[in-house]
C-alpha atoms as a PDB file:
ATOM      1  CA  MET A   1     112.432 119.863 175.788  1.00  0.00           C
ATOM      2  CA  SER A   2     115.809 120.952 177.056  1.00  0.00           C
ATOM      3  CA  LEU A   3     118.191 118.996 179.220  1.00  0.00           C
ATOM      4  CA  SER A   4     120.977 120.307 181.483  1.00  0.00           C
ATOM      5  CA  ARG A   5     124.294 120.880 179.708  1.00  0.00           C
ATOM      6  CA  ARG A   6     127.427 120.579 181.827  1.00  0.00           C
ATOM      7  CA  SER A   7     130.831 120.574 180.208  1.00  0.00           C
ATOM      8  CA  LEU A   8     132.657 117.662 181.794  1.00  0.00           C
ATOM      9  CA  LEU A   9     135.034 116.949 178.932  1.00  0.00           C
ATOM     10  CA  ALA A  10     137.202 119.492 177.144  1.00  0.00           C
ATOM     11  CA  GLY A  11     139.692 117.300 175.317  1.00  0.00           C
ATOM     12  CA  SER A  12     140.338 117.133 171.612  1.00  0.00           C
ATOM     13  CA  ALA A  13     137.950 115.455 169.189  1.00  0.00           C
ATOM     14  CA  ALA A  14     140.358 112.573 168.844  1.00  0.00           C
ATOM     15  CA  ALA A  15     140.513 111.990 172.569  1.00  0.00           C
ATOM     16  CA  LEU A  16     136.739 112.194 172.785  1.00  0.00           C
ATOM     17  CA  SER A  17     136.269 109.640 170.029  1.00  0.00           C
ATOM     18  CA  ALA A  18     138.723 107.264 171.656  1.00  0.00           C
ATOM     19  CA  SER A  19     136.951 107.467 174.999  1.00  0.00           C
ATOM     20  CA  ILE A  20     133.580 106.766 173.372  1.00  0.00           C
ATOM     21  CA  VAL A  21     134.716 103.822 171.283  1.00  0.00           C
ATOM     22  CA  ALA A  22     136.553 102.301 174.222  1.00  0.00           C
ATOM     23  CA  GLY A  23     133.655 102.790 176.592  1.00  0.00           C
ATOM     24  CA  PRO A  24     133.111 100.549 179.614  1.00  0.00           C
ATOM     25  CA  ASN A  25     130.780  98.170 177.786  1.00  0.00           C
ATOM     26  CA  ALA A  26     132.789  97.750 174.596  1.00  0.00           C
ATOM     27  CA  ASP A  27     134.829  94.723 175.652  1.00  0.00           C
ATOM     28  CA  ALA A  28     131.862  93.038 177.304  1.00  0.00           C
ATOM     29  CA  TRP A  29     129.829  93.347 174.137  1.00  0.00           C
ATOM     30  CA  ALA A  30     132.707  92.193 171.962  1.00  0.00           C
ATOM     31  CA  ASP A  31     133.065  89.057 174.094  1.00  0.00           C
ATOM     32  CA  ASN A  32     129.358  88.280 173.964  1.00  0.00           C
ATOM     33  CA  PRO A  33     128.686  85.492 171.415  1.00  0.00           C
ATOM     34  CA  GLU A  34     125.221  86.899 170.732  1.00  0.00           C
ATOM     35  CA  ALA A  35     126.805  90.207 169.693  1.00  0.00           C
ATOM     36  CA  SER A  36     129.561  88.672 167.560  1.00  0.00           C
ATOM     37  CA  ASP A  37     127.977  89.996 164.367  1.00  0.00           C
ATOM     38  CA  VAL A  38     128.068  93.590 165.656  1.00  0.00           C
ATOM     39  CA  ASP A  39     131.092  95.829 165.172  1.00  0.00           C
ATOM     40  CA  SER A  40     131.736  96.847 168.774  1.00  0.00           C
ATOM     41  CA  LYS A  41     133.712  99.904 167.644  1.00  0.00           C
ATOM     42  CA  THR A  42     131.192 101.426 165.214  1.00  0.00           C
ATOM     43  CA  PRO A  43     127.799  99.837 165.928  1.00  0.00           C
ATOM     44  CA  GLY A  44     126.084 102.825 164.312  1.00  0.00           C
ATOM     45  CA  LYS A  45     126.945 101.282 160.950  1.00  0.00           C
ATOM     46  CA  THR A  46     123.834  99.131 160.736  1.00  0.00           C
ATOM     47  CA  ARG A  47     122.703  96.490 158.271  1.00  0.00           C
ATOM     48  CA  ASN A  48     119.278  97.622 157.027  1.00  0.00           C
ATOM     49  CA  THR A  49     118.216 100.929 158.566  1.00  0.00           C
ATOM     50  CA  ARG A  50     119.902 104.312 158.749  1.00  0.00           C
ATOM     51  CA  PHE A  51     119.624 105.747 162.253  1.00  0.00           C
ATOM     52  CA  ALA A  52     119.860 109.323 163.528  1.00  0.00           C
ATOM     53  CA  VAL A  53     120.934 109.800 167.143  1.00  0.00           C
ATOM     54  CA  ASN A  54     118.918 112.289 169.173  1.00  0.00           C
ATOM     55  CA  CYS A  55     121.550 114.660 170.527  1.00  0.00           C
ATOM     56  CA  GLU A  56     119.292 115.909 173.299  1.00  0.00           C
ATOM     57  CA  MET A  57     118.941 112.466 174.910  1.00  0.00           C
ATOM     58  CA  TRP A  58     122.349 110.871 174.216  1.00  0.00           C
ATOM     59  CA  TRP A  59     125.559 112.129 175.893  1.00  0.00           C
ATOM     60  CA  GLY A  60     123.612 114.699 177.901  1.00  0.00           C
ATOM     61  CA  LYS A  61     126.658 115.665 179.973  1.00  0.00           C
ATOM     62  CA  LEU A  62     128.732 116.623 176.931  1.00  0.00           C
ATOM     63  CA  PRO A  63     128.746 120.018 175.219  1.00  0.00           C
ATOM     64  CA  PHE A  64     126.372 119.945 172.269  1.00  0.00           C
ATOM     65  CA  LEU A  65     128.962 119.832 169.483  1.00  0.00           C
ATOM     66  CA  ASP A  66     130.794 116.988 171.211  1.00  0.00           C
ATOM     67  CA  ARG A  67     127.587 114.967 170.985  1.00  0.00           C
ATOM     68  CA  LEU A  68     127.814 115.171 167.187  1.00  0.00           C
ATOM     69  CA  ARG A  69     131.416 113.981 167.404  1.00  0.00           C
ATOM     70  CA  ALA A  70     130.333 111.141 169.675  1.00  0.00           C
ATOM     71  CA  ALA A  71     127.619 110.014 167.264  1.00  0.00           C
ATOM     72  CA  ALA A  72     130.043 110.047 164.341  1.00  0.00           C
ATOM     73  CA  ALA A  73     132.635 108.135 166.382  1.00  0.00           C
ATOM     74  CA  LEU A  74     130.136 105.296 166.841  1.00  0.00           C
ATOM     75  CA  GLY A  75     129.486 105.201 163.105  1.00  0.00           C
ATOM     76  CA  PHE A  76     126.054 106.818 163.016  1.00  0.00           C
ATOM     77  CA  PRO A  77     125.349 108.625 159.740  1.00  0.00           C
ATOM     78  CA  ALA A  78     123.046 111.320 161.150  1.00  0.00           C
ATOM     79  CA  VAL A  79     121.736 113.129 164.212  1.00  0.00           C
ATOM     80  CA  GLU A  80     118.535 114.932 165.143  1.00  0.00           C
ATOM     81  CA  PHE A  81     117.850 117.576 167.774  1.00  0.00           C
ATOM     82  CA  TRP A  82     115.069 119.629 169.309  1.00  0.00           C
ATOM     83  CA  PRO A  83     114.723 123.437 168.938  1.00  0.00           C
ATOM     84  CA  HIS A  84     117.252 125.228 166.755  1.00  0.00           C
ATOM     85  CA  GLN A  85     116.952 128.364 168.853  1.00  0.00           C
ATOM     86  CA  GLY A  86     119.916 128.910 171.155  1.00  0.00           C
ATOM     87  CA  LYS A  87     122.211 126.664 169.117  1.00  0.00           C
ATOM     88  CA  ASP A  88     125.197 127.760 167.044  1.00  0.00           C
ATOM     89  CA  ILE A  89     123.841 126.772 163.639  1.00  0.00           C
ATOM     90  CA  ALA A  90     126.979 127.838 161.756  1.00  0.00           C
ATOM     91  CA  ALA A  91     129.134 125.695 164.055  1.00  0.00           C
ATOM     92  CA  ILE A  92     126.787 122.726 163.677  1.00  0.00           C
ATOM     93  CA  LYS A  93     126.906 123.094 159.890  1.00  0.00           C
ATOM     94  CA  LYS A  94     130.711 123.271 159.851  1.00  0.00           C
ATOM     95  CA  LEU A  95     131.126 120.287 162.154  1.00  0.00           C
ATOM     96  CA  LYS A  96     128.559 118.058 160.476  1.00  0.00           C
ATOM     97  CA  ASP A  97     130.312 118.670 157.149  1.00  0.00           C
ATOM     98  CA  GLU A  98     133.670 117.816 158.686  1.00  0.00           C
ATOM     99  CA  LEU A  99     132.263 114.639 160.244  1.00  0.00           C
ATOM    100  CA  LYS A 100     130.329 113.755 157.067  1.00  0.00           C
ATOM    101  CA  ILE A 101     127.088 113.231 158.946  1.00  0.00           C
ATOM    102  CA  GLU A 102     123.618 114.629 158.253  1.00  0.00           C
ATOM    103  CA  ILE A 103     121.006 116.474 160.282  1.00  0.00           C
ATOM    104  CA  ALA A 104     117.926 114.292 159.861  1.00  0.00           C
ATOM    105  CA  GLN A 105     115.449 116.704 161.467  1.00  0.00           C
ATOM    106  CA  PHE A 106     115.035 119.314 164.179  1.00  0.00           C
ATOM    107  CA  THR A 107     112.117 121.006 165.928  1.00  0.00           C
ATOM    108  CA  ALA A 108     110.699 124.155 164.362  1.00  0.00           C
ATOM    109  CA  TRP A 109     107.669 124.510 166.690  1.00  0.00           C
ATOM    110  CA  GLY A 110     107.401 122.929 170.130  1.00  0.00           C
ATOM    111  CA  PHE A 111     104.740 122.397 172.770  1.00  0.00           C
ATOM    112  CA  ARG A 112     104.211 125.975 173.944  1.00  0.00           C
ATOM    113  CA  PRO A 113     102.702 128.141 172.709  1.00  0.00           C
ATOM    114  CA  GLY A 114     100.475 125.678 170.909  1.00  0.00           C
ATOM    115  CA  MET A 115      99.888 125.450 167.195  1.00  0.00           C
ATOM    116  CA  ASN A 116      96.312 124.761 168.298  1.00  0.00           C
ATOM    117  CA  ASP A 117      96.032 128.282 169.771  1.00  0.00           C
ATOM    118  CA  PRO A 118      94.350 130.644 167.270  1.00  0.00           C
ATOM    119  CA  THR A 119      96.273 133.609 168.680  1.00  0.00           C
ATOM    120  CA  GLN A 120      99.573 131.942 167.710  1.00  0.00           C
ATOM    121  CA  GLU A 121      98.759 131.227 164.060  1.00  0.00           C
ATOM    122  CA  ASP A 122     100.776 134.102 162.615  1.00  0.00           C
ATOM    123  CA  ALA A 123     103.711 133.313 164.897  1.00  0.00           C
ATOM    124  CA  PHE A 124     103.611 129.679 163.798  1.00  0.00           C
ATOM    125  CA  VAL A 125     103.713 130.615 160.125  1.00  0.00           C
ATOM    126  CA  GLN A 126     106.618 132.986 160.759  1.00  0.00           C
ATOM    127  CA  ALA A 127     108.450 130.255 162.692  1.00  0.00           C
ATOM    128  CA  ILE A 128     108.126 127.933 159.705  1.00  0.00           C
ATOM    129  CA  GLU A 129     109.567 130.617 157.407  1.00  0.00           C
ATOM    130  CA  GLU A 130     112.518 131.066 159.750  1.00  0.00           C
ATOM    131  CA  GLY A 131     112.941 127.344 160.372  1.00  0.00           C
ATOM    132  CA  CYS A 132     113.177 126.621 156.656  1.00  0.00           C
ATOM    133  CA  GLN A 133     116.145 128.970 156.390  1.00  0.00           C
ATOM    134  CA  VAL A 134     117.844 127.144 159.263  1.00  0.00           C
ATOM    135  CA  ALA A 135     117.079 123.851 157.509  1.00  0.00           C
ATOM    136  CA  HIS A 136     118.767 125.116 154.350  1.00  0.00           C
ATOM    137  CA  GLN A 137     121.834 126.133 156.352  1.00  0.00           C
ATOM    138  CA  LEU A 138     122.031 122.585 157.695  1.00  0.00           C
ATOM    139  CA  ASP A 139     121.135 120.796 154.430  1.00  0.00           C
ATOM    140  CA  CYS A 140     118.160 119.372 156.336  1.00  0.00           C
ATOM    141  CA  THR A 141     114.844 118.476 154.707  1.00  0.00           C
ATOM    142  CA  LYS A 142     112.547 117.843 157.682  1.00  0.00           C
ATOM    143  CA  MET A 143     111.326 119.887 160.646  1.00  0.00           C
ATOM    144  CA  CYS A 144     109.205 118.603 163.519  1.00  0.00           C
ATOM    145  CA  VAL A 145     106.138 120.543 164.633  1.00  0.00           C
ATOM    146  CA  VAL A 146     103.992 119.874 167.712  1.00  0.00           C
ATOM    147  CA  ALA A 147     100.224 120.430 167.944  1.00  0.00           C
ATOM    148  CA  GLY A 148     100.222 121.790 171.496  1.00  0.00           C
ATOM    149  CA  ASP A 149      98.732 121.148 174.903  1.00  0.00           C
ATOM    150  CA  ASN A 150      95.011 121.518 175.501  1.00  0.00           C
ATOM    151  CA  GLN A 151      93.596 125.031 175.146  1.00  0.00           C
ATOM    152  CA  ALA A 152      91.086 126.203 177.748  1.00  0.00           C
ATOM    153  CA  GLY A 153      87.584 126.447 176.316  1.00  0.00           C
ATOM    154  CA  MET A 154      88.364 124.497 173.141  1.00  0.00           C
ATOM    155  CA  THR A 155      87.273 120.970 172.264  1.00  0.00           C
ATOM    156  CA  LYS A 156      89.646 118.475 170.693  1.00  0.00           C
ATOM    157  CA  GLU A 157      87.878 118.939 167.380  1.00  0.00           C
ATOM    158  CA  GLN A 158      88.331 122.706 167.557  1.00  0.00           C
ATOM    159  CA  MET A 159      92.012 122.373 168.420  1.00  0.00           C
ATOM    160  CA  HIS A 160      92.597 119.949 165.558  1.00  0.00           C
ATOM    161  CA  ALA A 161      90.746 122.289 163.193  1.00  0.00           C
ATOM    162  CA  GLN A 162      93.078 125.094 164.247  1.00  0.00           C
ATOM    163  CA  CYS A 163      96.104 122.853 163.619  1.00  0.00           C
ATOM    164  CA  ILE A 164      94.758 122.131 160.138  1.00  0.00           C
ATOM    165  CA  LYS A 165      94.262 125.854 159.495  1.00  0.00           C
ATOM    166  CA  ALA A 166      97.785 126.709 160.643  1.00  0.00           C
ATOM    167  CA  LEU A 167      99.346 123.874 158.667  1.00  0.00           C
ATOM    168  CA  GLN A 168      97.399 124.839 155.552  1.00  0.00           C
ATOM    169  CA  ARG A 169      98.975 128.279 155.792  1.00  0.00           C
ATOM    170  CA  ALA A 170     102.424 126.806 156.378  1.00  0.00           C
ATOM    171  CA  ALA A 171     102.193 124.126 153.686  1.00  0.00           C
ATOM    172  CA  PRO A 172     102.928 126.453 150.738  1.00  0.00           C
ATOM    173  CA  ILE A 173     106.074 127.618 152.540  1.00  0.00           C
ATOM    174  CA  ALA A 174     107.198 124.024 153.092  1.00  0.00           C
ATOM    175  CA  GLU A 175     106.449 123.196 149.459  1.00  0.00           C
ATOM    176  CA  ARG A 176     108.315 126.252 148.191  1.00  0.00           C
ATOM    177  CA  GLU A 177     111.342 125.580 150.393  1.00  0.00           C
ATOM    178  CA  LYS A 178     111.230 121.785 149.919  1.00  0.00           C
ATOM    179  CA  VAL A 179     111.300 121.211 153.690  1.00  0.00           C
ATOM    180  CA  MET A 180     108.786 118.699 155.060  1.00  0.00           C
ATOM    181  CA  LEU A 181     106.869 119.511 158.234  1.00  0.00           C
ATOM    182  CA  ILE A 182     106.468 116.400 160.370  1.00  0.00           C
ATOM    183  CA  LEU A 183     103.654 116.557 162.947  1.00  0.00           C
ATOM    184  CA  GLU A 184     104.341 114.517 166.070  1.00  0.00           C
ATOM    185  CA  PRO A 185     101.489 112.875 168.007  1.00  0.00           C
ATOM    186  CA  MET A 186     102.320 112.215 171.664  1.00  0.00           C
ATOM    187  CA  ASN A 187     101.094 109.833 174.367  1.00  0.00           C
ATOM    188  CA  GLY A 188      99.024 110.883 177.331  1.00  0.00           C
ATOM    189  CA  ARG A 189      99.417 107.912 179.662  1.00  0.00           C
ATOM    190  CA  VAL A 190     103.111 108.368 180.452  1.00  0.00           C
ATOM    191  CA  ASP A 191     104.764 111.472 179.047  1.00  0.00           C
ATOM    192  CA  HIS A 192     102.310 114.131 177.909  1.00  0.00           C
ATOM    193  CA  PRO A 193      98.953 114.202 179.723  1.00  0.00           C
ATOM    194  CA  GLY A 194      96.840 117.139 178.642  1.00  0.00           C
ATOM    195  CA  HIS A 195      98.144 117.226 175.072  1.00  0.00           C
ATOM    196  CA  CYS A 196      95.719 117.613 172.171  1.00  0.00           C
ATOM    197  CA  LEU A 197      97.030 114.985 169.720  1.00  0.00           C
ATOM    198  CA  TYR A 198      97.510 111.296 170.464  1.00  0.00           C
ATOM    199  CA  GLY A 199      97.925 108.330 168.118  1.00  0.00           C
ATOM    200  CA  SER A 200      98.084 107.941 164.372  1.00  0.00           C
ATOM    201  CA  GLU A 201      94.370 108.073 163.513  1.00  0.00           C
ATOM    202  CA  ASP A 202      93.848 111.757 164.325  1.00  0.00           C
ATOM    203  CA  ALA A 203      97.282 112.691 162.952  1.00  0.00           C
ATOM    204  CA  VAL A 204      96.449 111.041 159.632  1.00  0.00           C
ATOM    205  CA  LYS A 205      93.128 112.899 159.503  1.00  0.00           C
ATOM    206  CA  ILE A 206      94.899 116.214 160.069  1.00  0.00           C
ATOM    207  CA  CYS A 207      97.453 115.515 157.346  1.00  0.00           C
ATOM    208  CA  GLN A 208      94.749 114.384 154.938  1.00  0.00           C
ATOM    209  CA  ALA A 209      92.827 117.586 155.572  1.00  0.00           C
ATOM    210  CA  VAL A 210      95.922 119.706 154.929  1.00  0.00           C
ATOM    211  CA  GLY A 211      96.537 117.741 151.736  1.00  0.00           C
ATOM    212  CA  SER A 212     100.236 118.433 151.149  1.00  0.00           C
ATOM    213  CA  GLN A 213     103.069 116.002 150.522  1.00  0.00           C
ATOM    214  CA  PHE A 214     105.196 118.352 152.626  1.00  0.00           C
ATOM    215  CA  VAL A 215     103.038 117.936 155.741  1.00  0.00           C
ATOM    216  CA  LYS A 216     103.273 114.428 157.157  1.00  0.00           C
ATOM    217  CA  ILE A 217     103.682 112.634 160.493  1.00  0.00           C
ATOM    218  CA  ASN A 218     106.666 112.250 162.764  1.00  0.00           C
ATOM    219  CA  TRP A 219     105.682 108.666 163.525  1.00  0.00           C
ATOM    220  CA  ASP A 220     107.276 108.156 166.928  1.00  0.00           C
ATOM    221  CA  LEU A 221     106.758 104.457 167.593  1.00  0.00           C
ATOM    222  CA  TYR A 222     107.343 104.881 171.324  1.00  0.00           C
ATOM    223  CA  HIS A 223     104.377 107.256 171.593  1.00  0.00           C
ATOM    224  CA  MET A 224     102.332 105.093 169.236  1.00  0.00           C
ATOM    225  CA  GLN A 225     102.929 101.962 171.314  1.00  0.00           C
ATOM    226  CA  ILE A 226     101.582 103.663 174.421  1.00  0.00           C
ATOM    227  CA  ALA A 227      98.740 105.495 172.691  1.00  0.00           C
ATOM    228  CA  GLU A 228      97.403 102.737 170.430  1.00  0.00           C
ATOM    229  CA  GLY A 229      99.662  99.669 169.988  1.00  0.00           C
ATOM    230  CA  ASP A 230      99.421  97.458 166.878  1.00  0.00           C
ATOM    231  CA  LEU A 231     102.549  99.167 165.559  1.00  0.00           C
ATOM    232  CA  CYS A 232     102.894  97.249 162.306  1.00  0.00           C
ATOM    233  CA  GLY A 233      99.199  97.348 161.465  1.00  0.00           C
ATOM    234  CA  ARG A 234      98.805 101.062 162.190  1.00  0.00           C
ATOM    235  CA  LEU A 235     101.971 101.927 160.277  1.00  0.00           C
ATOM    236  CA  LYS A 236     100.731  99.988 157.260  1.00  0.00           C
ATOM    237  CA  GLU A 237      97.346 101.731 157.360  1.00  0.00           C
ATOM    238  CA  GLY A 238      98.801 105.231 157.606  1.00  0.00           C
ATOM    239  CA  PHE A 239     102.086 104.797 155.779  1.00  0.00           C
ATOM    240  CA  ALA A 240     101.178 107.251 153.017  1.00  0.00           C
ATOM    241  CA  TRP A 241     101.354 109.981 155.667  1.00  0.00           C
ATOM    242  CA  CYS A 242     104.499 108.791 157.449  1.00  0.00           C
ATOM    243  CA  GLY A 243     107.223 111.379 156.982  1.00  0.00           C
ATOM    244  CA  TYR A 244     109.698 110.191 159.588  1.00  0.00           C
ATOM    245  CA  LEU A 245     110.107 107.411 162.152  1.00  0.00           C
ATOM    246  CA  GLN A 246     111.462 107.479 165.688  1.00  0.00           C
ATOM    247  CA  ILE A 247     111.922 104.604 168.124  1.00  0.00           C
ATOM    248  CA  ALA A 248     112.332 103.867 171.821  1.00  0.00           C
ATOM    249  CA  ASP A 249     111.272 100.834 173.806  1.00  0.00           C
ATOM    250  CA  HIS A 250     108.499 100.840 176.394  1.00  0.00           C
ATOM    251  CA  PRO A 251     108.445 100.992 179.353  1.00  0.00           C
ATOM    252  CA  GLY A 252     111.399 103.270 180.080  1.00  0.00           C
ATOM    253  CA  ARG A 253     111.956 105.017 176.727  1.00  0.00           C
ATOM    254  CA  ASN A 254     115.289 103.246 176.415  1.00  0.00           C
ATOM    255  CA  GLU A 255     116.967 101.326 173.600  1.00  0.00           C
ATOM    256  CA  PRO A 256     115.413  98.312 171.832  1.00  0.00           C
ATOM    257  CA  GLY A 257     115.492  95.133 173.891  1.00  0.00           C
ATOM    258  CA  THR A 258     114.811  96.850 177.217  1.00  0.00           C
ATOM    259  CA  GLY A 259     111.022  96.718 176.930  1.00  0.00           C
ATOM    260  CA  GLU A 260     108.107  95.036 175.210  1.00  0.00           C
ATOM    261  CA  VAL A 261     108.470  96.043 171.540  1.00  0.00           C
ATOM    262  CA  ASN A 262     109.893  93.639 168.953  1.00  0.00           C
ATOM    263  CA  TYR A 263     111.737  96.309 166.999  1.00  0.00           C
ATOM    264  CA  SER A 264     113.331  93.868 164.575  1.00  0.00           C
ATOM    265  CA  ARG A 265     109.819  93.043 163.384  1.00  0.00           C
ATOM    266  CA  VAL A 266     108.711  96.690 163.294  1.00  0.00           C
ATOM    267  CA  LEU A 267     111.805  97.945 161.456  1.00  0.00           C
ATOM    268  CA  ARG A 268     111.451  95.148 158.936  1.00  0.00           C
ATOM    269  CA  GLN A 269     107.808  96.141 158.423  1.00  0.00           C
ATOM    270  CA  ALA A 270     108.863  99.739 157.768  1.00  0.00           C
ATOM    271  CA  GLN A 271     111.396  98.620 155.178  1.00  0.00           C
ATOM    272  CA  GLU A 272     108.879  96.316 153.517  1.00  0.00           C
ATOM    273  CA  LEU A 273     106.470  99.246 153.249  1.00  0.00           C
ATOM    274  CA  GLY A 274     109.173 101.212 151.453  1.00  0.00           C
ATOM    275  CA  TYR A 275     110.597 103.399 154.225  1.00  0.00           C
ATOM    276  CA  ARG A 276     114.201 104.349 153.426  1.00  0.00           C
ATOM    277  CA  ASP A 277     114.729 107.540 155.415  1.00  0.00           C
ATOM    278  CA  TYR A 278     116.457 107.921 158.767  1.00  0.00           C
ATOM    279  CA  VAL A 279     114.946 106.484 161.933  1.00  0.00           C
ATOM    280  CA  GLY A 280     115.418 108.791 164.893  1.00  0.00           C
ATOM    281  CA  LEU A 281     116.753 107.381 168.152  1.00  0.00           C
ATOM    282  CA  GLU A 282     114.768 109.594 170.522  1.00  0.00           C
ATOM    283  CA  LEU A 283     115.569 107.407 173.491  1.00  0.00           C
ATOM    284  CA  ARG A 284     117.570 107.483 176.706  1.00  0.00           C
ATOM    285  CA  PRO A 285     120.412 104.947 176.826  1.00  0.00           C
ATOM    286  CA  LYS A 286     119.682 102.782 179.841  1.00  0.00           C
ATOM    287  CA  THR A 287     123.324 102.268 180.810  1.00  0.00           C
ATOM    288  CA  THR A 288     125.867 103.551 178.301  1.00  0.00           C
ATOM    289  CA  GLU A 289     125.630 104.979 174.817  1.00  0.00           C
ATOM    290  CA  MET A 290     127.845 102.167 173.527  1.00  0.00           C
ATOM    291  CA  ALA A 291     125.480  99.528 174.900  1.00  0.00           C
ATOM    292  CA  ALA A 292     122.490 101.376 173.448  1.00  0.00           C
ATOM    293  CA  ALA A 293     124.136 101.648 170.030  1.00  0.00           C
ATOM    294  CA  ILE A 294     124.864  97.929 169.959  1.00  0.00           C
ATOM    295  CA  ALA A 295     121.288  97.151 171.009  1.00  0.00           C
ATOM    296  CA  VAL A 296     120.040  99.303 168.107  1.00  0.00           C
ATOM    297  CA  ASN A 297     122.353  97.443 165.762  1.00  0.00           C
ATOM    298  CA  LYS A 298     121.017  94.097 166.999  1.00  0.00           C
ATOM    299  CA  ALA A 299     117.432  95.233 166.504  1.00  0.00           C
ATOM    300  CA  ASP A 300     118.232  96.072 162.886  1.00  0.00           C
ATOM    301  CA  GLN A 301     119.231  92.487 162.075  1.00  0.00           C
ATOM    302  CA  TRP A 302     116.697  90.073 160.598  1.00  0.00           C
END
């Protein structure tokens, strides 16, 4: 889940912010009549939905902490990231407080080793204990967990049963620490062939079997579009188990408006269902981060 990190900029935070706000697409967007209702300086300040920029996929050439500064410079109220391991948590905490932004969620357990592997059950539970302490350091209330790739010699049903068993052990920890575990189903057609959990139906069944309000779904609408479609209908059916939303358009996994999904309709549906938490922007800006931020802003208008 990691991307290369090359330090190409070493200027002050002020210089960084100025370069982001005055990016190459800023004037073009400001002059576009269709974008006249978008603040071209801080498009992250959106009308209806609160968005969290994924710092692993935006500004990939910047040092990690500068990505938080970049998100704040565009007006976004929060960020999300992948594994906490290998990151300077104290520095992230200090900077996010200075910038007055939040950490919406991070990954506590990734693809490998799998949660669906019986030999990893104790390690998974320990990782949740440790992750909750990191979450407290960051004033964060959600952690993503991944079911895992297929295990040799195990059926899908057996792997899902093991996920339920592991999550049932972890649920009391999440409840005690008040940190929600959000289970992320993937897609197999484009990004994650050979994974054990696709689509909302099986994810809902797993969460129902665990039976905790602190174990829900990281409802990534990009994966859901590829795995099952009917985004509004599926979200309505399983909304009781939706703990967090993420978006990206398809094909391409870029910002709204670059693919086939009508995100204005989907985001409105989420709000009508009662969703008020952050929506993660786990997407790759197709051209520039400024253009992607403005496209997100446009998608949030209805």
